[in-house]
């Protein structure tokens, strides 16, 4: 792993779970980790309920846009965290992979997205402790 680890969050639409995870990691890690997110079939916009749920905890993800998962992005990442993209996510030998089983916030209201947001925070805190143990 490089001096500054890079983490890629991948879900199908890159509009909910992966965007919330990237928002949490940027917020909690600052510049210590390179944060990326992408989707196998990116949506047109970020899920408004995910935006609102993150706003409630003081994190603004409105400047992000769903992006298509590119081979190079995955290849250049140290850790790849998938969230329900199944076989659409490429596998690169030697990469650290985690598959986070999380409910899909698509089509849900903010009340249903809050527990997903909070579960993602818990997982991000655990990941960050592993990536940068001295924090």
C-alpha atoms as a PDB file:
ATOM      1  CA  UNK A   1       0.000   0.000   0.000  1.00  0.00           C
ATOM      2  CA  UNK A   2       1.259   3.477  -0.832  1.00  0.00           C
ATOM      3  CA  UNK A   3       2.140   6.120   1.771  1.00  0.00           C
ATOM      4  CA  UNK A   4      -1.303   7.618   1.194  1.00  0.00           C
ATOM      5  CA  UNK A   5      -3.739   4.719   0.858  1.00  0.00           C
ATOM      6  CA  UNK A   6      -6.489   4.947  -1.746  1.00  0.00           C
ATOM      7  CA  UNK A   7      -9.951   3.522  -1.224  1.00  0.00           C
ATOM      8  CA  UNK A   8     -12.518   2.924  -3.953  1.00  0.00           C
ATOM      9  CA  UNK A   9     -16.188   2.488  -3.054  1.00  0.00           C
ATOM     10  CA  UNK A  10     -18.250   0.744  -5.728  1.00  0.00           C
ATOM     11  CA  UNK A  11     -21.986   0.185  -6.028  1.00  0.00           C
ATOM     12  CA  UNK A  12     -24.247  -0.138  -9.046  1.00  0.00           C
ATOM     13  CA  UNK A  13     -25.510   3.435  -9.398  1.00  0.00           C
ATOM     14  CA  UNK A  14     -22.825   5.331  -7.432  1.00  0.00           C
ATOM     15  CA  UNK A  15     -25.684   7.428  -6.084  1.00  0.00           C
ATOM     16  CA  UNK A  16     -26.257   6.300  -2.487  1.00  0.00           C
ATOM     17  CA  UNK A  17     -24.143   3.901  -0.454  1.00  0.00           C
ATOM     18  CA  UNK A  18     -20.835   4.515  -2.225  1.00  0.00           C
ATOM     19  CA  UNK A  19     -21.341   8.291  -2.154  1.00  0.00           C
ATOM     20  CA  UNK A  20     -22.177   8.267   1.562  1.00  0.00           C
ATOM     21  CA  UNK A  21     -19.145   6.080   2.276  1.00  0.00           C
ATOM     22  CA  UNK A  22     -16.873   8.390   0.284  1.00  0.00           C
ATOM     23  CA  UNK A  23     -18.349  11.394   2.105  1.00  0.00           C
ATOM     24  CA  UNK A  24     -17.709   9.803   5.506  1.00  0.00           C
ATOM     25  CA  UNK A  25     -14.146   8.828   4.626  1.00  0.00           C
ATOM     26  CA  UNK A  26     -13.315  12.297   3.296  1.00  0.00           C
ATOM     27  CA  UNK A  27     -14.813  13.828   6.435  1.00  0.00           C
ATOM     28  CA  UNK A  28     -13.093  11.511   8.929  1.00  0.00           C
ATOM     29  CA  UNK A  29      -9.721  11.017   7.195  1.00  0.00           C
ATOM     30  CA  UNK A  30      -9.145  14.464   5.756  1.00  0.00           C
ATOM     31  CA  UNK A  31      -6.187  14.353   3.367  1.00  0.00           C
ATOM     32  CA  UNK A  32      -4.748  11.146   4.850  1.00  0.00           C
ATOM     33  CA  UNK A  33      -6.609   8.874   2.400  1.00  0.00           C
ATOM     34  CA  UNK A  34      -7.376   9.224  -1.299  1.00  0.00           C
ATOM     35  CA  UNK A  35     -11.098   8.639  -1.696  1.00  0.00           C
ATOM     36  CA  UNK A  36     -12.772   7.409  -4.891  1.00  0.00           C
ATOM     37  CA  UNK A  37     -16.222   6.137  -5.759  1.00  0.00           C
ATOM     38  CA  UNK A  38     -17.776   4.716  -8.899  1.00  0.00           C
ATOM     39  CA  UNK A  39     -20.618   2.590 -10.206  1.00  0.00           C
ATOM     40  CA  UNK A  40     -21.085  -0.145 -12.762  1.00  0.00           C
ATOM     41  CA  UNK A  41     -24.228   1.647 -14.067  1.00  0.00           C
ATOM     42  CA  UNK A  42     -24.009   5.218 -12.724  1.00  0.00           C
ATOM     43  CA  UNK A  43     -27.207   7.154 -12.105  1.00  0.00           C
ATOM     44  CA  UNK A  44     -27.875  10.672 -13.374  1.00  0.00           C
ATOM     45  CA  UNK A  45     -27.607  12.196  -9.900  1.00  0.00           C
ATOM     46  CA  UNK A  46     -26.927  11.383  -6.269  1.00  0.00           C
ATOM     47  CA  UNK A  47     -29.913  10.035  -4.336  1.00  0.00           C
ATOM     48  CA  UNK A  48     -31.593  13.092  -2.704  1.00  0.00           C
ATOM     49  CA  UNK A  49     -32.339  11.082   0.470  1.00  0.00           C
ATOM     50  CA  UNK A  50     -28.612  10.233   0.772  1.00  0.00           C
ATOM     51  CA  UNK A  51     -27.738  13.915   0.314  1.00  0.00           C
ATOM     52  CA  UNK A  52     -30.230  14.898   3.029  1.00  0.00           C
ATOM     53  CA  UNK A  53     -29.108  12.163   5.445  1.00  0.00           C
ATOM     54  CA  UNK A  54     -25.482  13.260   5.099  1.00  0.00           C
ATOM     55  CA  UNK A  55     -26.431  16.942   5.437  1.00  0.00           C
ATOM     56  CA  UNK A  56     -28.044  16.075   8.786  1.00  0.00           C
ATOM     57  CA  UNK A  57     -24.594  15.065  10.116  1.00  0.00           C
ATOM     58  CA  UNK A  58     -22.834  18.070   8.622  1.00  0.00           C
ATOM     59  CA  UNK A  59     -21.405  16.433   5.482  1.00  0.00           C
ATOM     60  CA  UNK A  60     -22.140  17.982   2.091  1.00  0.00           C
ATOM     61  CA  UNK A  61     -21.971  15.545  -0.835  1.00  0.00           C
ATOM     62  CA  UNK A  62     -23.829  17.753  -3.319  1.00  0.00           C
ATOM     63  CA  UNK A  63     -20.621  18.482  -5.241  1.00  0.00           C
ATOM     64  CA  UNK A  64     -20.219  14.804  -6.155  1.00  0.00           C
ATOM     65  CA  UNK A  65     -21.589  13.152  -9.285  1.00  0.00           C
ATOM     66  CA  UNK A  66     -22.056   9.469 -10.076  1.00  0.00           C
ATOM     67  CA  UNK A  67     -19.120   8.147 -12.112  1.00  0.00           C
ATOM     68  CA  UNK A  68     -18.632   5.036 -14.221  1.00  0.00           C
ATOM     69  CA  UNK A  69     -16.261   2.449 -12.809  1.00  0.00           C
ATOM     70  CA  UNK A  70     -13.094   2.555 -14.905  1.00  0.00           C
ATOM     71  CA  UNK A  71     -10.503  -0.205 -15.044  1.00  0.00           C
ATOM     72  CA  UNK A  72      -7.665   2.199 -14.193  1.00  0.00           C
ATOM     73  CA  UNK A  73      -9.465   3.595 -11.137  1.00  0.00           C
ATOM     74  CA  UNK A  74      -9.861   0.120  -9.672  1.00  0.00           C
ATOM     75  CA  UNK A  75      -6.360  -0.924 -10.649  1.00  0.00           C
ATOM     76  CA  UNK A  76      -4.858   2.157  -8.960  1.00  0.00           C
ATOM     77  CA  UNK A  77      -6.773   1.709  -5.681  1.00  0.00           C
ATOM     78  CA  UNK A  78      -5.326  -0.055  -2.630  1.00  0.00           C
ATOM     79  CA  UNK A  79      -8.671  -1.053  -1.118  1.00  0.00           C
ATOM     80  CA  UNK A  80     -11.839  -1.761  -3.089  1.00  0.00           C
ATOM     81  CA  UNK A  81     -15.099  -1.857  -1.166  1.00  0.00           C
ATOM     82  CA  UNK A  82     -18.100  -3.171  -3.044  1.00  0.00           C
ATOM     83  CA  UNK A  83     -21.693  -2.589  -2.022  1.00  0.00           C
ATOM     84  CA  UNK A  84     -24.041  -4.799  -3.927  1.00  0.00           C
ATOM     85  CA  UNK A  85     -22.570  -4.612  -7.429  1.00  0.00           C
ATOM     86  CA  UNK A  86     -22.043  -8.369  -7.663  1.00  0.00           C
ATOM     87  CA  UNK A  87     -20.327  -9.650 -10.801  1.00  0.00           C
ATOM     88  CA  UNK A  88     -20.182  -6.155 -12.337  1.00  0.00           C
ATOM     89  CA  UNK A  89     -17.219  -5.291 -10.095  1.00  0.00           C
ATOM     90  CA  UNK A  90     -13.837  -6.215 -11.537  1.00  0.00           C
ATOM     91  CA  UNK A  91     -11.397  -8.292  -9.507  1.00  0.00           C
ATOM     92  CA  UNK A  92      -7.715  -7.392  -9.438  1.00  0.00           C
ATOM     93  CA  UNK A  93      -5.266  -9.842  -7.886  1.00  0.00           C
ATOM     94  CA  UNK A  94      -3.387  -8.446  -4.921  1.00  0.00           C
ATOM     95  CA  UNK A  95      -6.023  -5.852  -3.986  1.00  0.00           C
ATOM     96  CA  UNK A  96      -7.733  -5.774  -0.639  1.00  0.00           C
ATOM     97  CA  UNK A  97     -11.449  -6.347  -1.160  1.00  0.00           C
ATOM     98  CA  UNK A  98     -14.358  -5.982   1.202  1.00  0.00           C
ATOM     99  CA  UNK A  99     -17.995  -6.500   0.307  1.00  0.00           C
ATOM    100  CA  UNK A 100     -20.242  -4.473   2.588  1.00  0.00           C
ATOM    101  CA  UNK A 101     -23.746  -5.905   2.761  1.00  0.00           C
ATOM    102  CA  UNK A 102     -25.886  -2.801   3.191  1.00  0.00           C
ATOM    103  CA  UNK A 103     -29.503  -2.053   2.388  1.00  0.00           C
ATOM    104  CA  UNK A 104     -29.952  -0.148  -0.861  1.00  0.00           C
ATOM    105  CA  UNK A 105     -31.216   3.399  -0.248  1.00  0.00           C
ATOM    106  CA  UNK A 106     -32.615   3.704  -3.804  1.00  0.00           C
ATOM    107  CA  UNK A 107     -36.238   4.777  -3.689  1.00  0.00           C
ATOM    108  CA  UNK A 108     -36.188   5.130   0.116  1.00  0.00           C
ATOM    109  CA  UNK A 109     -37.006   8.194   2.173  1.00  0.00           C
ATOM    110  CA  UNK A 110     -34.504   9.831   4.496  1.00  0.00           C
ATOM    111  CA  UNK A 111     -35.926   7.901   7.486  1.00  0.00           C
ATOM    112  CA  UNK A 112     -34.863   4.620   5.860  1.00  0.00           C
ATOM    113  CA  UNK A 113     -31.489   6.042   4.765  1.00  0.00           C
ATOM    114  CA  UNK A 114     -30.392   7.223   8.237  1.00  0.00           C
ATOM    115  CA  UNK A 115     -29.621   3.725   9.603  1.00  0.00           C
ATOM    116  CA  UNK A 116     -27.678   2.911   6.400  1.00  0.00           C
ATOM    117  CA  UNK A 117     -25.706   6.160   6.820  1.00  0.00           C
ATOM    118  CA  UNK A 118     -24.926   5.301  10.444  1.00  0.00           C
ATOM    119  CA  UNK A 119     -23.852   1.741   9.603  1.00  0.00           C
ATOM    120  CA  UNK A 120     -21.548   3.115   6.909  1.00  0.00           C
ATOM    121  CA  UNK A 121     -19.963   5.493   9.442  1.00  0.00           C
ATOM    122  CA  UNK A 122     -19.228   2.597  11.796  1.00  0.00           C
ATOM    123  CA  UNK A 123     -17.589   0.633   8.979  1.00  0.00           C
ATOM    124  CA  UNK A 124     -15.593   3.690   7.827  1.00  0.00           C
ATOM    125  CA  UNK A 125     -14.272   4.251  11.359  1.00  0.00           C
ATOM    126  CA  UNK A 126     -13.153   0.601  11.499  1.00  0.00           C
ATOM    127  CA  UNK A 127     -11.539   0.821   8.051  1.00  0.00           C
ATOM    128  CA  UNK A 128      -9.738   4.039   8.929  1.00  0.00           C
ATOM    129  CA  UNK A 129      -8.340   2.506  12.125  1.00  0.00           C
ATOM    130  CA  UNK A 130      -6.874  -0.304   9.989  1.00  0.00           C
ATOM    131  CA  UNK A 131      -5.518   1.969   7.251  1.00  0.00           C
ATOM    132  CA  UNK A 132      -3.986   4.572   9.549  1.00  0.00           C
ATOM    133  CA  UNK A 133      -3.503   2.914  12.956  1.00  0.00           C
ATOM    134  CA  UNK A 134      -1.735   5.923  14.507  1.00  0.00           C
ATOM    135  CA  UNK A 135      -4.830   8.127  14.211  1.00  0.00           C
END
